[in-house]
């Protein structure tokens, strides 16, 4: 091999110093401000969850607010701290779609149970 061929082969196999390291380091880090903002929102949402009990809300309003705040907190945690906001769409669907489907089926079961309860009260006049 000539000196030029050895020099070219060395350039092909050796990574450029700092070029790939800088790209990987920049791509893997997120600004600290993002985490502080998310922690702030988690604190605000947790405070709102606490205030639901503090003000003594009852019934469907109480449970709806608690579930809403819980889902918002879980969404923030999954999106930022588990890095789902930066994942491919297919992976996001594979992870998030099954729990959404379960929630839809639970909602259908709740509606069905309310309908069944209504029919029992209507036809048998025995509230349970």
C-alpha atoms as a PDB file:
ATOM      1  CA  UNK A   1       0.000   0.000   0.000  1.00  0.00           C
ATOM      2  CA  UNK A   2       1.103   3.484  -0.656  1.00  0.00           C
ATOM      3  CA  UNK A   3       1.172   6.162   1.987  1.00  0.00           C
ATOM      4  CA  UNK A   4      -1.913   7.814   0.484  1.00  0.00           C
ATOM      5  CA  UNK A   5      -3.893   4.548   0.668  1.00  0.00           C
ATOM      6  CA  UNK A   6      -2.904   3.980   4.308  1.00  0.00           C
ATOM      7  CA  UNK A   7      -3.846   7.570   5.134  1.00  0.00           C
ATOM      8  CA  UNK A   8      -7.259   7.203   3.424  1.00  0.00           C
ATOM      9  CA  UNK A   9      -7.955   3.867   5.156  1.00  0.00           C
ATOM     10  CA  UNK A  10      -7.182   5.427   8.521  1.00  0.00           C
ATOM     11  CA  UNK A  11      -9.661   8.223   7.846  1.00  0.00           C
ATOM     12  CA  UNK A  12     -12.397   5.791   6.884  1.00  0.00           C
ATOM     13  CA  UNK A  13     -12.190   3.737  10.087  1.00  0.00           C
ATOM     14  CA  UNK A  14     -11.342   6.425  12.620  1.00  0.00           C
ATOM     15  CA  UNK A  15     -14.212   8.651  13.763  1.00  0.00           C
ATOM     16  CA  UNK A  16     -13.684  12.355  13.662  1.00  0.00           C
ATOM     17  CA  UNK A  17     -12.730  13.564  17.106  1.00  0.00           C
ATOM     18  CA  UNK A  18     -15.587  15.419  18.757  1.00  0.00           C
ATOM     19  CA  UNK A  19     -17.974  15.199  15.776  1.00  0.00           C
ATOM     20  CA  UNK A  20     -19.933  12.081  16.685  1.00  0.00           C
ATOM     21  CA  UNK A  21     -19.521  12.604  20.424  1.00  0.00           C
ATOM     22  CA  UNK A  22     -21.008  16.074  20.213  1.00  0.00           C
ATOM     23  CA  UNK A  23     -23.974  14.843  18.192  1.00  0.00           C
ATOM     24  CA  UNK A  24     -24.737  12.037  20.639  1.00  0.00           C
ATOM     25  CA  UNK A  25     -24.262  14.232  23.700  1.00  0.00           C
ATOM     26  CA  UNK A  26     -26.524  16.946  22.310  1.00  0.00           C
ATOM     27  CA  UNK A  27     -29.202  14.459  21.253  1.00  0.00           C
ATOM     28  CA  UNK A  28     -29.329  12.731  24.629  1.00  0.00           C
ATOM     29  CA  UNK A  29     -29.588  15.746  26.910  1.00  0.00           C
ATOM     30  CA  UNK A  30     -32.608  17.888  27.589  1.00  0.00           C
ATOM     31  CA  UNK A  31     -32.481  21.328  29.160  1.00  0.00           C
ATOM     32  CA  UNK A  32     -32.912  21.430  32.928  1.00  0.00           C
ATOM     33  CA  UNK A  33     -35.665  24.026  32.442  1.00  0.00           C
ATOM     34  CA  UNK A  34     -37.870  21.335  30.899  1.00  0.00           C
ATOM     35  CA  UNK A  35     -37.579  19.139  33.975  1.00  0.00           C
ATOM     36  CA  UNK A  36     -38.175  22.064  36.329  1.00  0.00           C
ATOM     37  CA  UNK A  37     -41.302  23.085  34.431  1.00  0.00           C
ATOM     38  CA  UNK A  38     -42.612  19.504  34.536  1.00  0.00           C
ATOM     39  CA  UNK A  39     -41.877  19.249  38.263  1.00  0.00           C
ATOM     40  CA  UNK A  40     -43.744  22.523  38.741  1.00  0.00           C
ATOM     41  CA  UNK A  41     -46.769  21.218  36.839  1.00  0.00           C
ATOM     42  CA  UNK A  42     -46.681  17.975  38.826  1.00  0.00           C
ATOM     43  CA  UNK A  43     -46.685  20.012  42.032  1.00  0.00           C
ATOM     44  CA  UNK A  44     -49.629  22.123  40.816  1.00  0.00           C
ATOM     45  CA  UNK A  45     -51.620  19.053  39.752  1.00  0.00           C
ATOM     46  CA  UNK A  46     -50.897  17.281  43.045  1.00  0.00           C
ATOM     47  CA  UNK A  47     -52.041  20.377  44.917  1.00  0.00           C
ATOM     48  CA  UNK A  48     -55.253  20.400  42.892  1.00  0.00           C
ATOM     49  CA  UNK A  49     -55.816  16.721  43.755  1.00  0.00           C
ATOM     50  CA  UNK A  50     -55.361  17.551  47.418  1.00  0.00           C
ATOM     51  CA  UNK A  51     -57.749  20.517  47.172  1.00  0.00           C
ATOM     52  CA  UNK A  52     -60.491  18.253  45.820  1.00  0.00           C
ATOM     53  CA  UNK A  53     -60.486  16.464  49.185  1.00  0.00           C
ATOM     54  CA  UNK A  54     -59.872  19.651  51.155  1.00  0.00           C
ATOM     55  CA  UNK A  55     -62.995  21.330  49.763  1.00  0.00           C
ATOM     56  CA  UNK A  56     -65.019  18.183  50.404  1.00  0.00           C
ATOM     57  CA  UNK A  57     -66.267  17.537  46.885  1.00  0.00           C
ATOM     58  CA  UNK A  58     -68.350  14.368  46.573  1.00  0.00           C
ATOM     59  CA  UNK A  59     -69.796  12.077  43.955  1.00  0.00           C
ATOM     60  CA  UNK A  60     -68.967  12.049  40.293  1.00  0.00           C
ATOM     61  CA  UNK A  61     -67.351  15.486  40.381  1.00  0.00           C
ATOM     62  CA  UNK A  62     -64.821  14.338  42.993  1.00  0.00           C
ATOM     63  CA  UNK A  63     -63.885  11.163  41.153  1.00  0.00           C
ATOM     64  CA  UNK A  64     -63.805  12.878  37.768  1.00  0.00           C
ATOM     65  CA  UNK A  65     -61.401  15.542  39.038  1.00  0.00           C
ATOM     66  CA  UNK A  66     -59.177  13.029  40.825  1.00  0.00           C
ATOM     67  CA  UNK A  67     -58.983  10.841  37.709  1.00  0.00           C
ATOM     68  CA  UNK A  68     -58.355  13.867  35.484  1.00  0.00           C
ATOM     69  CA  UNK A  69     -55.460  15.087  37.638  1.00  0.00           C
ATOM     70  CA  UNK A  70     -54.088  11.542  37.887  1.00  0.00           C
ATOM     71  CA  UNK A  71     -54.137  11.093  34.098  1.00  0.00           C
ATOM     72  CA  UNK A  72     -52.507  14.488  33.514  1.00  0.00           C
ATOM     73  CA  UNK A  73     -49.710  13.681  35.975  1.00  0.00           C
ATOM     74  CA  UNK A  74     -49.201  10.224  34.469  1.00  0.00           C
ATOM     75  CA  UNK A  75     -49.100  11.735  30.970  1.00  0.00           C
ATOM     76  CA  UNK A  76     -46.442  14.267  31.983  1.00  0.00           C
ATOM     77  CA  UNK A  77     -44.338  11.590  33.640  1.00  0.00           C
ATOM     78  CA  UNK A  78     -44.577   9.226  30.676  1.00  0.00           C
ATOM     79  CA  UNK A  79     -43.951  11.958  28.098  1.00  0.00           C
ATOM     80  CA  UNK A  80     -40.960  13.634  29.726  1.00  0.00           C
ATOM     81  CA  UNK A  81     -39.337  11.373  32.294  1.00  0.00           C
ATOM     82  CA  UNK A  82     -39.853   8.179  30.292  1.00  0.00           C
ATOM     83  CA  UNK A  83     -38.897  10.059  27.071  1.00  0.00           C
ATOM     84  CA  UNK A  84     -42.036   9.024  25.163  1.00  0.00           C
ATOM     85  CA  UNK A  85     -42.352  12.512  23.685  1.00  0.00           C
ATOM     86  CA  UNK A  86     -39.216  11.821  21.653  1.00  0.00           C
ATOM     87  CA  UNK A  87     -39.989   8.249  20.584  1.00  0.00           C
ATOM     88  CA  UNK A  88     -41.233   7.085  17.230  1.00  0.00           C
ATOM     89  CA  UNK A  89     -44.989   7.209  16.690  1.00  0.00           C
ATOM     90  CA  UNK A  90     -45.289   3.416  16.281  1.00  0.00           C
ATOM     91  CA  UNK A  91     -43.665   2.805  19.669  1.00  0.00           C
ATOM     92  CA  UNK A  92     -45.861   5.437  21.276  1.00  0.00           C
ATOM     93  CA  UNK A  93     -48.975   3.759  19.882  1.00  0.00           C
ATOM     94  CA  UNK A  94     -47.754   0.334  20.996  1.00  0.00           C
ATOM     95  CA  UNK A  95     -47.340   1.523  24.575  1.00  0.00           C
ATOM     96  CA  UNK A  96     -50.218   3.992  24.956  1.00  0.00           C
ATOM     97  CA  UNK A  97     -52.976   2.411  22.861  1.00  0.00           C
ATOM     98  CA  UNK A  98     -53.659  -0.660  25.086  1.00  0.00           C
ATOM     99  CA  UNK A  99     -54.328   1.383  28.273  1.00  0.00           C
ATOM    100  CA  UNK A 100     -56.604   3.711  26.296  1.00  0.00           C
ATOM    101  CA  UNK A 101     -58.506   0.679  24.989  1.00  0.00           C
ATOM    102  CA  UNK A 102     -58.861  -0.652  28.548  1.00  0.00           C
ATOM    103  CA  UNK A 103     -60.261   2.714  29.683  1.00  0.00           C
ATOM    104  CA  UNK A 104     -62.791   2.663  26.837  1.00  0.00           C
ATOM    105  CA  UNK A 105     -63.900  -0.852  27.796  1.00  0.00           C
ATOM    106  CA  UNK A 106     -64.206   0.164  31.465  1.00  0.00           C
ATOM    107  CA  UNK A 107     -66.373   3.119  30.436  1.00  0.00           C
ATOM    108  CA  UNK A 108     -68.580   0.782  28.404  1.00  0.00           C
ATOM    109  CA  UNK A 109     -68.921  -1.531  31.424  1.00  0.00           C
ATOM    110  CA  UNK A 110     -69.871   1.399  33.670  1.00  0.00           C
ATOM    111  CA  UNK A 111     -72.572   2.503  31.241  1.00  0.00           C
ATOM    112  CA  UNK A 112     -73.849  -1.065  30.997  1.00  0.00           C
ATOM    113  CA  UNK A 113     -73.985  -1.418  34.776  1.00  0.00           C
ATOM    114  CA  UNK A 114     -75.945   1.829  35.117  1.00  0.00           C
ATOM    115  CA  UNK A 115     -78.416   0.618  32.486  1.00  0.00           C
ATOM    116  CA  UNK A 116     -78.797  -2.746  34.233  1.00  0.00           C
ATOM    117  CA  UNK A 117     -79.366  -1.034  37.567  1.00  0.00           C
ATOM    118  CA  UNK A 118     -81.972   1.241  35.981  1.00  0.00           C
ATOM    119  CA  UNK A 119     -83.844  -1.758  34.527  1.00  0.00           C
ATOM    120  CA  UNK A 120     -83.840  -3.601  37.855  1.00  0.00           C
ATOM    121  CA  UNK A 121     -85.283  -0.600  39.641  1.00  0.00           C
ATOM    122  CA  UNK A 122     -87.850  -0.024  36.875  1.00  0.00           C
ATOM    123  CA  UNK A 123     -89.153  -3.574  36.543  1.00  0.00           C
ATOM    124  CA  UNK A 124     -88.567  -5.101  39.973  1.00  0.00           C
ATOM    125  CA  UNK A 125     -88.864  -1.943  42.089  1.00  0.00           C
ATOM    126  CA  UNK A 126     -86.025  -3.085  44.335  1.00  0.00           C
ATOM    127  CA  UNK A 127     -83.212  -0.583  44.554  1.00  0.00           C
ATOM    128  CA  UNK A 128     -79.977  -2.291  45.464  1.00  0.00           C
END
